[in-house]
Amino acid sequence: MKEAKELFVKNGFSRLKRTHNYYKVDHDFYTVIYFQRKSDGSAYFVNVAFIPSFWSRDC
């Protein structure tokens, strides 16, 4: 995960608190990358979301 952190931070992503989750605001979109670890720790799943900044919780 150290290499992933270096890669994302180098490319302008911010880390969400002390997790392995990253986000970046670019133009009118949030890009979110969420690493989900398998319960036995043998693998990670990568979830990616592109969310328009005008989207709100009230939609």
PDB file of N, CA and C in Angstrom:
ATOM      1  N   MET A   1       0.817  -1.201   0.000  1.00  0.00           N
ATOM      2  CA  MET A   1       0.000   0.000   0.000  1.00  0.00           C
ATOM      3  C   MET A   1       0.861   1.265   0.000  1.00  0.00           C
ATOM      4  N   LYS A   2       2.108   1.142   0.425  1.00  0.00           N
ATOM      5  CA  LYS A   2       2.992   2.308   0.420  1.00  0.00           C
ATOM      6  C   LYS A   2       3.180   2.843  -0.992  1.00  0.00           C
ATOM      7  N   GLU A   3       3.360   1.932  -1.948  1.00  0.00           N
ATOM      8  CA  GLU A   3       3.543   2.356  -3.335  1.00  0.00           C
ATOM      9  C   GLU A   3       2.289   3.032  -3.880  1.00  0.00           C
ATOM     10  N   ALA A   4       1.125   2.511  -3.511  1.00  0.00           N
ATOM     11  CA  ALA A   4      -0.137   3.122  -3.951  1.00  0.00           C
ATOM     12  C   ALA A   4      -0.265   4.531  -3.388  1.00  0.00           C
ATOM     13  N   LYS A   5       0.051   4.698  -2.109  1.00  0.00           N
ATOM     14  CA  LYS A   5      -0.023   6.020  -1.482  1.00  0.00           C
ATOM     15  C   LYS A   5       0.878   7.005  -2.217  1.00  0.00           C
ATOM     16  N   GLU A   6       2.111   6.613  -2.482  1.00  0.00           N
ATOM     17  CA  GLU A   6       3.044   7.495  -3.177  1.00  0.00           C
ATOM     18  C   GLU A   6       2.530   7.872  -4.560  1.00  0.00           C
ATOM     19  N   LEU A   7       1.972   6.899  -5.280  1.00  0.00           N
ATOM     20  CA  LEU A   7       1.450   7.142  -6.618  1.00  0.00           C
ATOM     21  C   LEU A   7       0.285   8.129  -6.590  1.00  0.00           C
ATOM     22  N   PHE A   8      -0.676   7.917  -5.685  1.00  0.00           N
ATOM     23  CA  PHE A   8      -1.853   8.793  -5.644  1.00  0.00           C
ATOM     24  C   PHE A   8      -1.497  10.198  -5.174  1.00  0.00           C
ATOM     25  N   VAL A   9      -0.684  10.304  -4.143  1.00  0.00           N
ATOM     26  CA  VAL A   9      -0.291  11.628  -3.644  1.00  0.00           C
ATOM     27  C   VAL A   9       0.498  12.381  -4.715  1.00  0.00           C
ATOM     28  N   LYS A  10       1.372  11.683  -5.432  1.00  0.00           N
ATOM     29  CA  LYS A  10       2.151  12.300  -6.505  1.00  0.00           C
ATOM     30  C   LYS A  10       1.245  12.848  -7.605  1.00  0.00           C
ATOM     31  N   ASN A  11       0.074  12.215  -7.808  1.00  0.00           N
ATOM     32  CA  ASN A  11      -0.856  12.625  -8.856  1.00  0.00           C
ATOM     33  C   ASN A  11      -1.997  13.492  -8.345  1.00  0.00           C
ATOM     34  N   GLY A  12      -1.813  14.118  -7.178  1.00  0.00           N
ATOM     35  CA  GLY A  12      -2.756  15.124  -6.703  1.00  0.00           C
ATOM     36  C   GLY A  12      -3.915  14.623  -5.870  1.00  0.00           C
ATOM     37  N   PHE A  13      -3.916  13.358  -5.474  1.00  0.00           N
ATOM     38  CA  PHE A  13      -4.981  12.836  -4.633  1.00  0.00           C
ATOM     39  C   PHE A  13      -4.690  13.147  -3.172  1.00  0.00           C
ATOM     40  N   SER A  14      -5.739  13.281  -2.395  1.00  0.00           N
ATOM     41  CA  SER A  14      -5.624  13.463  -0.951  1.00  0.00           C
ATOM     42  C   SER A  14      -6.096  12.195  -0.266  1.00  0.00           C
ATOM     43  N   ARG A  15      -5.492  11.902   0.861  1.00  0.00           N
ATOM     44  CA  ARG A  15      -5.844  10.699   1.614  1.00  0.00           C
ATOM     45  C   ARG A  15      -6.960  11.023   2.599  1.00  0.00           C
ATOM     46  N   LEU A  16      -7.939  10.153   2.708  1.00  0.00           N
ATOM     47  CA  LEU A  16      -9.033  10.338   3.663  1.00  0.00           C
ATOM     48  C   LEU A  16      -8.590   9.819   5.025  1.00  0.00           C
ATOM     49  N   LYS A  17      -8.341  10.739   5.934  1.00  0.00           N
ATOM     50  CA  LYS A  17      -7.887  10.431   7.292  1.00  0.00           C
ATOM     51  C   LYS A  17      -6.766   9.408   7.273  1.00  0.00           C
ATOM     52  N   ARG A  18      -6.825   8.373   8.070  1.00  0.00           N
ATOM     53  CA  ARG A  18      -5.757   7.363   8.107  1.00  0.00           C
ATOM     54  C   ARG A  18      -6.202   6.068   7.449  1.00  0.00           C
ATOM     55  N   THR A  19      -6.847   6.181   6.310  1.00  0.00           N
ATOM     56  CA  THR A  19      -7.345   5.011   5.593  1.00  0.00           C
ATOM     57  C   THR A  19      -6.545   4.822   4.312  1.00  0.00           C
ATOM     58  N   HIS A  20      -6.898   3.831   3.544  1.00  0.00           N
ATOM     59  CA  HIS A  20      -6.300   3.630   2.229  1.00  0.00           C
ATOM     60  C   HIS A  20      -7.248   4.123   1.145  1.00  0.00           C
ATOM     61  N   ASN A  21      -7.962   5.193   1.433  1.00  0.00           N
ATOM     62  CA  ASN A  21      -8.924   5.772   0.503  1.00  0.00           C
ATOM     63  C   ASN A  21      -8.429   7.154   0.085  1.00  0.00           C
ATOM     64  N   TYR A  22      -8.642   7.470  -1.191  1.00  0.00           N
ATOM     65  CA  TYR A  22      -8.119   8.711  -1.746  1.00  0.00           C
ATOM     66  C   TYR A  22      -9.193   9.420  -2.560  1.00  0.00           C
ATOM     67  N   TYR A  23      -9.076  10.744  -2.635  1.00  0.00           N
ATOM     68  CA  TYR A  23     -10.002  11.515  -3.462  1.00  0.00           C
ATOM     69  C   TYR A  23      -9.256  12.665  -4.123  1.00  0.00           C
ATOM     70  N   LYS A  24      -9.851  13.151  -5.209  1.00  0.00           N
ATOM     71  CA  LYS A  24      -9.293  14.283  -5.942  1.00  0.00           C
ATOM     72  C   LYS A  24     -10.439  15.060  -6.548  1.00  0.00           C
ATOM     73  N   VAL A  25     -10.397  16.373  -6.433  1.00  0.00           N
ATOM     74  CA  VAL A  25     -11.382  17.230  -7.076  1.00  0.00           C
ATOM     75  C   VAL A  25     -10.735  17.759  -8.348  1.00  0.00           C
ATOM     76  N   ASP A  26     -11.363  17.478  -9.481  1.00  0.00           N
ATOM     77  CA  ASP A  26     -10.822  17.894 -10.771  1.00  0.00           C
ATOM     78  C   ASP A  26     -11.964  18.443 -11.613  1.00  0.00           C
ATOM     79  N   HIS A  27     -11.890  19.721 -11.891  1.00  0.00           N
ATOM     80  CA  HIS A  27     -12.947  20.428 -12.624  1.00  0.00           C
ATOM     81  C   HIS A  27     -14.255  20.270 -11.847  1.00  0.00           C
ATOM     82  N   ASP A  28     -15.254  19.635 -12.396  1.00  0.00           N
ATOM     83  CA  ASP A  28     -16.542  19.516 -11.726  1.00  0.00           C
ATOM     84  C   ASP A  28     -16.801  18.106 -11.200  1.00  0.00           C
ATOM     85  N   PHE A  29     -15.752  17.335 -10.959  1.00  0.00           N
ATOM     86  CA  PHE A  29     -15.925  15.957 -10.504  1.00  0.00           C
ATOM     87  C   PHE A  29     -15.019  15.626  -9.329  1.00  0.00           C
ATOM     88  N   TYR A  30     -15.548  14.788  -8.457  1.00  0.00           N
ATOM     89  CA  TYR A  30     -14.740  14.153  -7.423  1.00  0.00           C
ATOM     90  C   TYR A  30     -14.373  12.774  -7.945  1.00  0.00           C
ATOM     91  N   THR A  31     -13.119  12.415  -7.837  1.00  0.00           N
ATOM     92  CA  THR A  31     -12.686  11.062  -8.140  1.00  0.00           C
ATOM     93  C   THR A  31     -12.335  10.420  -6.801  1.00  0.00           C
ATOM     94  N   VAL A  32     -12.956   9.301  -6.503  1.00  0.00           N
ATOM     95  CA  VAL A  32     -12.743   8.613  -5.233  1.00  0.00           C
ATOM     96  C   VAL A  32     -12.239   7.205  -5.521  1.00  0.00           C
ATOM     97  N   ILE A  33     -11.178   6.826  -4.824  1.00  0.00           N
ATOM     98  CA  ILE A  33     -10.631   5.480  -4.947  1.00  0.00           C
ATOM     99  C   ILE A  33     -10.640   4.855  -3.563  1.00  0.00           C
ATOM    100  N   TYR A  34     -11.312   3.724  -3.453  1.00  0.00           N
ATOM    101  CA  TYR A  34     -11.509   3.052  -2.177  1.00  0.00           C
ATOM    102  C   TYR A  34     -10.954   1.633  -2.269  1.00  0.00           C
ATOM    103  N   PHE A  35      -9.992   1.322  -1.418  1.00  0.00           N
ATOM    104  CA  PHE A  35      -9.423  -0.019  -1.372  1.00  0.00           C
ATOM    105  C   PHE A  35     -10.153  -0.828  -0.310  1.00  0.00           C
ATOM    106  N   GLN A  36     -10.718  -1.922  -0.722  1.00  0.00           N
ATOM    107  CA  GLN A  36     -11.480  -2.786   0.172  1.00  0.00           C
ATOM    108  C   GLN A  36     -10.712  -4.104   0.328  1.00  0.00           C
ATOM    109  N   ARG A  37     -10.302  -4.386   1.559  1.00  0.00           N
ATOM    110  CA  ARG A  37      -9.511  -5.592   1.802  1.00  0.00           C
ATOM    111  C   ARG A  37     -10.415  -6.795   2.026  1.00  0.00           C
ATOM    112  N   LYS A  38     -10.059  -7.911   1.418  1.00  0.00           N
ATOM    113  CA  LYS A  38     -10.780  -9.160   1.612  1.00  0.00           C
ATOM    114  C   LYS A  38     -10.655  -9.567   3.073  1.00  0.00           C
ATOM    115  N   SER A  39     -11.697 -10.165   3.638  1.00  0.00           N
ATOM    116  CA  SER A  39     -11.729 -10.459   5.068  1.00  0.00           C
ATOM    117  C   SER A  39     -10.560 -11.310   5.547  1.00  0.00           C
ATOM    118  N   ASP A  40     -10.031 -12.182   4.698  1.00  0.00           N
ATOM    119  CA  ASP A  40      -8.889 -12.994   5.128  1.00  0.00           C
ATOM    120  C   ASP A  40      -7.550 -12.308   4.831  1.00  0.00           C
ATOM    121  N   GLY A  41      -7.598 -11.096   4.265  1.00  0.00           N
ATOM    122  CA  GLY A  41      -6.393 -10.309   4.012  1.00  0.00           C
ATOM    123  C   GLY A  41      -5.589 -10.739   2.807  1.00  0.00           C
ATOM    124  N   SER A  42      -6.098 -11.664   2.022  1.00  0.00           N
ATOM    125  CA  SER A  42      -5.319 -12.193   0.902  1.00  0.00           C
ATOM    126  C   SER A  42      -5.395 -11.345  -0.369  1.00  0.00           C
ATOM    127  N   ALA A  43      -6.308 -10.382  -0.417  1.00  0.00           N
ATOM    128  CA  ALA A  43      -6.467  -9.583  -1.637  1.00  0.00           C
ATOM    129  C   ALA A  43      -7.142  -8.262  -1.310  1.00  0.00           C
ATOM    130  N   TYR A  44      -6.986  -7.324  -2.239  1.00  0.00           N
ATOM    131  CA  TYR A  44      -7.690  -6.044  -2.162  1.00  0.00           C
ATOM    132  C   TYR A  44      -8.568  -5.903  -3.393  1.00  0.00           C
ATOM    133  N   PHE A  45      -9.696  -5.238  -3.205  1.00  0.00           N
ATOM    134  CA  PHE A  45     -10.580  -4.877  -4.298  1.00  0.00           C
ATOM    135  C   PHE A  45     -10.519  -3.361  -4.429  1.00  0.00           C
ATOM    136  N   VAL A  46     -10.554  -2.869  -5.647  1.00  0.00           N
ATOM    137  CA  VAL A  46     -10.459  -1.425  -5.874  1.00  0.00           C
ATOM    138  C   VAL A  46     -11.799  -0.928  -6.389  1.00  0.00           C
ATOM    139  N   ASN A  47     -12.381   0.007  -5.661  1.00  0.00           N
ATOM    140  CA  ASN A  47     -13.632   0.635  -6.059  1.00  0.00           C
ATOM    141  C   ASN A  47     -13.318   2.064  -6.489  1.00  0.00           C
ATOM    142  N   VAL A  48     -13.838   2.463  -7.643  1.00  0.00           N
ATOM    143  CA  VAL A  48     -13.586   3.794  -8.183  1.00  0.00           C
ATOM    144  C   VAL A  48     -14.920   4.470  -8.456  1.00  0.00           C
ATOM    145  N   ALA A  49     -15.013   5.743  -8.081  1.00  0.00           N
ATOM    146  CA  ALA A  49     -16.247   6.497  -8.328  1.00  0.00           C
ATOM    147  C   ALA A  49     -15.891   7.860  -8.900  1.00  0.00           C
ATOM    148  N   PHE A  50     -16.692   8.312  -9.847  1.00  0.00           N
ATOM    149  CA  PHE A  50     -16.603   9.661 -10.397  1.00  0.00           C
ATOM    150  C   PHE A  50     -17.920  10.339 -10.078  1.00  0.00           C
ATOM    151  N   ILE A  51     -17.875  11.345  -9.217  1.00  0.00           N
ATOM    152  CA  ILE A  51     -19.101  11.971  -8.727  1.00  0.00           C
ATOM    153  C   ILE A  51     -19.099  13.440  -9.148  1.00  0.00           C
ATOM    154  N   PRO A  52     -20.143  13.881  -9.852  1.00  0.00           N
ATOM    155  CA  PRO A  52     -20.203  15.301 -10.225  1.00  0.00           C
ATOM    156  C   PRO A  52     -20.327  16.166  -8.976  1.00  0.00           C
ATOM    157  N   SER A  53     -19.622  17.279  -8.952  1.00  0.00           N
ATOM    158  CA  SER A  53     -19.619  18.130  -7.760  1.00  0.00           C
ATOM    159  C   SER A  53     -20.958  18.803  -7.510  1.00  0.00           C
ATOM    160  N   PHE A  54     -21.809  18.901  -8.530  1.00  0.00           N
ATOM    161  CA  PHE A  54     -23.124  19.519  -8.321  1.00  0.00           C
ATOM    162  C   PHE A  54     -24.116  18.546  -7.706  1.00  0.00           C
ATOM    163  N   TRP A  55     -23.757  17.270  -7.630  1.00  0.00           N
ATOM    164  CA  TRP A  55     -24.621  16.262  -7.029  1.00  0.00           C
ATOM    165  C   TRP A  55     -24.669  16.480  -5.523  1.00  0.00           C
ATOM    166  N   SER A  56     -25.830  16.368  -4.938  1.00  0.00           N
ATOM    167  CA  SER A  56     -25.943  16.559  -3.492  1.00  0.00           C
ATOM    168  C   SER A  56     -26.703  15.397  -2.879  1.00  0.00           C
ATOM    169  N   ARG A  57     -26.707  15.332  -1.583  1.00  0.00           N
ATOM    170  CA  ARG A  57     -27.406  14.264  -0.883  1.00  0.00           C
ATOM    171  C   ARG A  57     -28.921  14.354  -1.049  1.00  0.00           C
ATOM    172  N   ASP A  58     -29.402  15.529  -1.437  1.00  0.00           N
ATOM    173  CA  ASP A  58     -30.845  15.725  -1.576  1.00  0.00           C
ATOM    174  C   ASP A  58     -31.380  15.200  -2.890  1.00  0.00           C
ATOM    175  N   CYS A  59     -30.515  14.761  -3.805  1.00  0.00           N
ATOM    176  CA  CYS A  59     -30.958  14.281  -5.127  1.00  0.00           C
ATOM    177  C   CYS A  59     -31.652  12.946  -5.007  1.00  0.00           C
TER     178      CYS A  59
END
